[in-house]
Amino acid sequence: MPIRTPTVTTPSTRLSRRLLLGGALALPTLATARASGPEPVDVELVLAVDVSRSVDQEEQELQFRGYAAAFRDPKLIEGIAGGPLGQIAVTLFTWSDWHIQEHLVPWMRIGDAASAERVAAAIDAAPRRTWLYTSISGAMDFASNLFGRGYEGTRRVVDISGDGVNNSGRPLGDARRDALEKGIVLNGLAVLDRTPQPWSAGLPPLDDYYRSEVIGGPGAFLMVAEGFDAFENAVKRKIIREIAAAPPPGPLVERAYA
């Protein structure tokens, strides 16, 4: 009759079993974590919209309508589809004083007309509010911290629209440098207001200011809207150029008219 050797369970044996069991149970969790990682997209695009006091209610509405119309443009959908991955991620916030930024449209993926319409509808539904000062540096800092939230783009682009120079918050050059060091491309959409403001006397032309102080990074460019009536045309052209898979060499400054 064979002699059975008794199984001796020591503390180290129990520990090994627990480790093996724990490892086996962790495998599905690890697989899920990998599967739920950042979703790859061609571009992570942050839209930063000026709502300082120099932008009245009518002008602010023209801005929001312009962004919504851009995402309903078939040419934009074609541009997205032409990318290597065929999808981008977009988010939108408004900005004014150095400490005032409202994140109105969360990160959303666009890969077809239906998803683009969802972004347009979110912009339509976003609240309209006006504040006081113009902190481009605050907008840059806020935008820089929005990346990497669920998406991973081959390019990271901030689209800053505004109608005035930086007059609140830290020096614009410092914020611009910090953003560029993170590999972020800063594009500008300068709106030339046809109604001169009393506080604009002695300030540099806005298009010159945006070109020299705001935009930066590989392929950066400035779109100039000749008045708020030209905003919709300007923003459509600008976003289509920004999402191009391999942006062709273009002018440093483009102008749009109503």
Protein backbone atom coordinates (compact mmCIF):
# COMPACT_ATOMS: atom_id res chain seq x y z
CA MET A 1 0.00 0.00 0.00
CA PRO A 2 1.54 3.31 -1.00
CA ILE A 3 2.50 5.65 1.77
CA ARG A 4 0.88 9.11 1.49
CA THR A 5 3.12 12.00 2.30
CA PRO A 6 1.19 14.51 4.36
CA THR A 7 0.86 18.04 2.92
CA VAL A 8 2.43 20.57 5.23
CA THR A 9 0.97 24.06 4.96
CA THR A 10 3.36 26.66 6.26
CA PRO A 11 2.81 30.42 6.52
CA SER A 12 5.01 30.92 3.44
CA THR A 13 2.90 28.41 1.48
CA ARG A 14 -0.30 30.23 2.38
CA LEU A 15 1.27 33.55 1.39
CA SER A 16 2.34 32.15 -1.99
CA ARG A 17 -1.16 30.86 -2.65
CA ARG A 18 -2.66 34.23 -1.76
CA LEU A 19 -0.23 35.99 -4.09
CA LEU A 20 -1.03 33.61 -6.95
CA LEU A 21 -4.75 34.00 -6.38
CA GLY A 22 -4.43 37.77 -6.12
CA GLY A 23 -2.42 37.89 -9.34
CA ALA A 24 -5.01 35.82 -11.18
CA LEU A 25 -7.82 38.04 -9.95
CA ALA A 26 -5.87 41.16 -10.92
CA LEU A 27 -5.40 40.11 -14.55
CA PRO A 28 -8.92 41.13 -15.69
CA THR A 29 -8.53 44.42 -13.82
CA LEU A 30 -5.23 45.15 -15.55
CA ALA A 31 -6.71 44.28 -18.91
CA THR A 32 -9.64 46.59 -18.23
CA ALA A 33 -7.27 49.38 -17.17
CA ARG A 34 -5.34 49.01 -20.42
CA ALA A 35 -8.56 48.95 -22.42
CA SER A 36 -9.87 52.08 -20.67
CA GLY A 37 -6.69 54.09 -21.21
CA PRO A 38 -6.58 57.32 -23.22
CA GLU A 39 -8.35 56.99 -26.56
CA PRO A 40 -6.04 57.88 -29.47
CA VAL A 41 -7.15 60.77 -31.69
CA ASP A 42 -5.50 62.81 -34.41
CA VAL A 43 -5.83 66.12 -32.55
CA GLU A 44 -6.79 67.26 -29.06
CA LEU A 45 -8.31 70.69 -29.73
CA VAL A 46 -9.10 73.20 -26.98
CA LEU A 47 -11.32 76.13 -27.96
CA ALA A 48 -10.82 79.17 -25.70
CA VAL A 49 -13.48 81.87 -26.17
CA ASP A 50 -13.13 85.46 -24.95
CA VAL A 51 -16.13 86.75 -22.94
CA SER A 52 -14.58 89.89 -21.44
CA ARG A 53 -16.55 93.15 -21.23
CA SER A 54 -15.35 94.30 -24.66
CA VAL A 55 -17.48 91.50 -26.17
CA ASP A 56 -21.14 92.54 -25.99
CA GLN A 57 -24.10 90.12 -26.00
CA GLU A 58 -24.58 90.25 -29.76
CA GLU A 59 -20.88 89.67 -30.41
CA GLN A 60 -20.75 86.81 -27.92
CA GLU A 61 -23.71 85.18 -29.63
CA LEU A 62 -21.93 85.51 -32.99
CA GLN A 63 -18.94 83.67 -31.50
CA PHE A 64 -21.02 80.77 -30.16
CA ARG A 65 -23.01 80.48 -33.36
CA GLY A 66 -19.79 80.52 -35.36
CA TYR A 67 -18.31 77.60 -33.42
CA ALA A 68 -21.54 75.60 -33.63
CA ALA A 69 -21.80 76.22 -37.37
CA ALA A 70 -18.21 75.09 -37.88
CA PHE A 71 -19.02 71.64 -36.48
CA ARG A 72 -21.99 71.36 -38.82
CA ASP A 73 -19.88 72.09 -41.89
CA PRO A 74 -19.45 69.01 -44.16
CA LYS A 75 -15.95 70.20 -45.06
CA LEU A 76 -14.92 69.89 -41.43
CA ILE A 77 -16.29 66.33 -41.24
CA GLU A 78 -14.36 65.47 -44.40
CA GLY A 79 -11.21 66.92 -42.86
CA ILE A 80 -11.59 64.81 -39.74
CA ALA A 81 -12.25 61.65 -41.77
CA GLY A 82 -9.08 62.29 -43.75
CA GLY A 83 -6.85 61.92 -40.69
CA PRO A 84 -4.90 58.74 -39.91
CA LEU A 85 -7.31 57.84 -37.10
CA GLY A 86 -10.32 59.64 -38.52
CA GLN A 87 -11.30 61.24 -35.21
CA ILE A 88 -10.43 64.22 -33.03
CA ALA A 89 -11.31 65.33 -29.49
CA VAL A 90 -12.67 68.81 -28.76
CA THR A 91 -13.48 70.84 -25.67
CA LEU A 92 -14.55 74.47 -25.17
CA PHE A 93 -14.27 76.98 -22.37
CA THR A 94 -14.82 80.71 -22.00
CA TRP A 95 -12.36 83.04 -20.32
CA SER A 96 -12.03 86.58 -19.02
CA ASP A 97 -10.24 87.62 -15.80
CA TRP A 98 -7.16 85.68 -14.68
CA HIS A 99 -9.28 83.50 -12.36
CA ILE A 100 -12.41 83.21 -14.48
CA GLN A 101 -12.67 80.32 -16.92
CA GLU A 102 -15.84 78.30 -17.47
CA HIS A 103 -15.47 74.82 -18.91
CA LEU A 104 -18.74 74.68 -20.85
CA VAL A 105 -18.28 71.79 -23.28
CA PRO A 106 -16.43 68.73 -21.89
CA TRP A 107 -14.07 66.66 -23.98
CA MET A 108 -16.04 65.05 -26.80
CA ARG A 109 -14.90 62.79 -29.62
CA ILE A 110 -15.78 63.66 -33.21
CA GLY A 111 -15.54 60.95 -35.83
CA ASP A 112 -18.61 61.52 -37.99
CA ALA A 113 -21.46 63.92 -38.65
CA ALA A 114 -23.52 62.63 -35.72
CA SER A 115 -20.80 63.17 -33.14
CA ALA A 116 -19.99 66.58 -34.65
CA GLU A 117 -23.67 67.52 -34.27
CA ARG A 118 -23.51 66.59 -30.58
CA VAL A 119 -20.66 69.04 -30.10
CA ALA A 120 -22.55 71.74 -32.02
CA ALA A 121 -25.65 71.14 -29.89
CA ALA A 122 -23.58 71.38 -26.69
CA ILE A 123 -22.24 74.75 -27.85
CA ASP A 124 -25.78 75.93 -28.68
CA ALA A 125 -26.91 74.98 -25.17
CA ALA A 126 -23.96 76.54 -23.33
CA PRO A 127 -24.75 79.55 -21.11
CA ARG A 128 -23.70 83.02 -22.23
CA ARG A 129 -22.06 85.15 -19.53
CA THR A 130 -19.90 88.27 -19.68
CA TRP A 131 -17.12 89.22 -17.26
CA LEU A 132 -14.60 92.04 -17.03
CA TYR A 133 -10.92 91.80 -17.87
CA THR A 134 -8.88 90.04 -20.54
CA SER A 135 -6.42 87.45 -19.25
CA ILE A 136 -4.95 85.59 -22.21
CA SER A 137 -2.30 84.22 -19.87
CA GLY A 138 -5.00 82.79 -17.59
CA ALA A 139 -6.66 81.21 -20.62
CA MET A 140 -3.37 79.63 -21.70
CA ASP A 141 -2.72 78.23 -18.23
CA PHE A 142 -6.23 76.79 -17.96
CA ALA A 143 -6.09 75.29 -21.46
CA SER A 144 -2.70 73.67 -20.82
CA ASN A 145 -4.16 71.70 -17.92
CA LEU A 146 -7.08 70.30 -19.93
CA PHE A 147 -5.05 67.87 -22.02
CA GLY A 148 -4.71 64.16 -21.31
CA ARG A 149 -8.24 63.73 -19.96
CA GLY A 150 -9.41 60.59 -21.71
CA TYR A 151 -7.77 61.25 -25.07
CA GLU A 152 -4.26 61.16 -26.47
CA GLY A 153 -3.70 63.18 -29.62
CA THR A 154 -0.77 63.17 -31.97
CA ARG A 155 -1.07 66.96 -31.70
CA ARG A 156 -2.30 69.21 -28.93
CA VAL A 157 -3.70 72.54 -30.10
CA VAL A 158 -5.18 75.53 -28.26
CA ASP A 159 -7.35 77.88 -30.32
CA ILE A 160 -7.54 81.26 -28.54
CA SER A 161 -10.08 83.79 -29.82
CA GLY A 162 -10.26 87.33 -28.50
CA ASP A 163 -10.58 91.01 -29.24
CA GLY A 164 -8.13 92.54 -26.79
CA VAL A 165 -4.66 92.39 -25.26
CA ASN A 166 -3.68 90.76 -21.97
CA ASN A 167 -4.57 93.05 -19.04
CA SER A 168 -5.05 90.61 -16.16
CA GLY A 169 -3.03 87.82 -14.58
CA ARG A 170 0.60 86.89 -14.94
CA PRO A 171 2.82 88.03 -17.84
CA LEU A 172 1.63 86.58 -21.11
CA GLY A 173 5.17 85.64 -22.15
CA ASP A 174 5.54 83.36 -19.12
CA ALA A 175 2.28 81.50 -19.80
CA ARG A 176 3.13 81.19 -23.50
CA ARG A 177 6.58 79.78 -22.72
CA ASP A 178 5.18 77.20 -20.30
CA ALA A 179 2.61 76.01 -22.84
CA LEU A 180 5.15 75.72 -25.64
CA GLU A 181 7.49 73.73 -23.38
CA LYS A 182 4.70 71.15 -23.02
CA GLY A 183 4.56 70.73 -26.80
CA ILE A 184 1.27 72.59 -27.17
CA VAL A 185 0.57 74.54 -30.36
CA LEU A 186 -1.01 77.95 -29.74
CA ASN A 187 -3.15 79.34 -32.55
CA GLY A 188 -4.98 82.66 -32.46
CA LEU A 189 -8.22 84.09 -33.75
CA ALA A 190 -8.06 87.87 -33.39
CA VAL A 191 -11.35 89.70 -33.85
CA LEU A 192 -10.88 93.28 -35.05
CA ASP A 193 -13.72 95.24 -33.48
CA ARG A 194 -14.99 97.94 -35.81
CA THR A 195 -16.18 99.98 -32.82
CA PRO A 196 -13.09 101.54 -31.19
CA GLN A 197 -13.03 101.09 -27.42
CA PRO A 198 -11.87 103.97 -25.18
CA TRP A 199 -9.31 101.75 -23.41
CA SER A 200 -7.69 100.66 -26.69
CA ALA A 201 -5.95 103.98 -27.30
CA GLY A 202 -2.19 103.57 -27.43
CA LEU A 203 -2.33 99.78 -27.67
CA PRO A 204 -0.68 97.89 -30.55
CA PRO A 205 -2.86 96.66 -33.43
CA LEU A 206 -4.52 93.45 -32.24
CA ASP A 207 -3.42 91.34 -35.20
CA ASP A 208 0.20 92.38 -34.67
CA TYR A 209 -0.10 91.65 -30.95
CA TYR A 210 -1.53 88.15 -31.47
CA ARG A 211 1.08 87.35 -34.10
CA SER A 212 4.03 88.35 -31.92
CA GLU A 213 2.79 87.60 -28.39
CA VAL A 214 0.17 84.84 -28.55
CA ILE A 215 0.68 82.22 -31.26
CA GLY A 216 3.55 79.74 -31.18
CA GLY A 217 4.64 76.17 -31.81
CA PRO A 218 5.07 74.05 -34.96
CA GLY A 219 2.72 75.21 -37.69
CA ALA A 220 1.08 77.88 -35.52
CA PHE A 221 -0.92 80.54 -37.33
CA LEU A 222 -3.25 83.48 -36.77
CA MET A 223 -6.69 83.93 -38.26
CA VAL A 224 -7.95 87.51 -38.28
CA ALA A 225 -11.69 88.14 -38.37
CA GLU A 226 -12.44 91.55 -39.82
CA GLY A 227 -15.24 92.28 -37.36
CA PHE A 228 -17.53 89.92 -35.44
CA ASP A 229 -19.72 89.48 -38.53
CA ALA A 230 -16.76 87.64 -40.08
CA PHE A 231 -16.30 85.33 -37.08
CA GLU A 232 -18.23 82.35 -38.45
CA ASN A 233 -16.26 82.31 -41.69
CA ALA A 234 -13.02 82.78 -39.77
CA VAL A 235 -13.60 79.97 -37.27
CA LYS A 236 -14.67 77.48 -39.95
CA ARG A 237 -11.52 78.07 -41.97
CA LYS A 238 -9.37 78.03 -38.86
CA ILE A 239 -10.61 74.73 -37.43
CA ILE A 240 -10.47 73.00 -40.81
CA ARG A 241 -6.82 74.01 -41.09
CA GLU A 242 -6.09 72.96 -37.49
CA ILE A 243 -7.44 69.44 -37.84
CA ALA A 244 -5.68 68.66 -41.12
CA ALA A 245 -3.73 65.40 -40.77
CA ALA A 246 -0.58 66.98 -42.22
CA PRO A 247 -1.23 70.72 -42.18
CA PRO A 248 0.14 72.11 -45.45
CA PRO A 249 2.41 75.13 -45.28
CA GLY A 250 0.17 78.16 -45.14
CA PRO A 251 0.40 81.86 -44.38
CA LEU A 252 1.30 82.84 -40.87
CA VAL A 253 -1.66 85.22 -40.91
CA GLU A 254 -4.99 84.66 -42.72
CA ARG A 255 -7.87 87.11 -42.90
CA ALA A 256 -11.59 86.41 -43.06
CA TYR A 257 -14.34 88.80 -44.09
CA ALA A 258 -18.10 88.72 -43.64
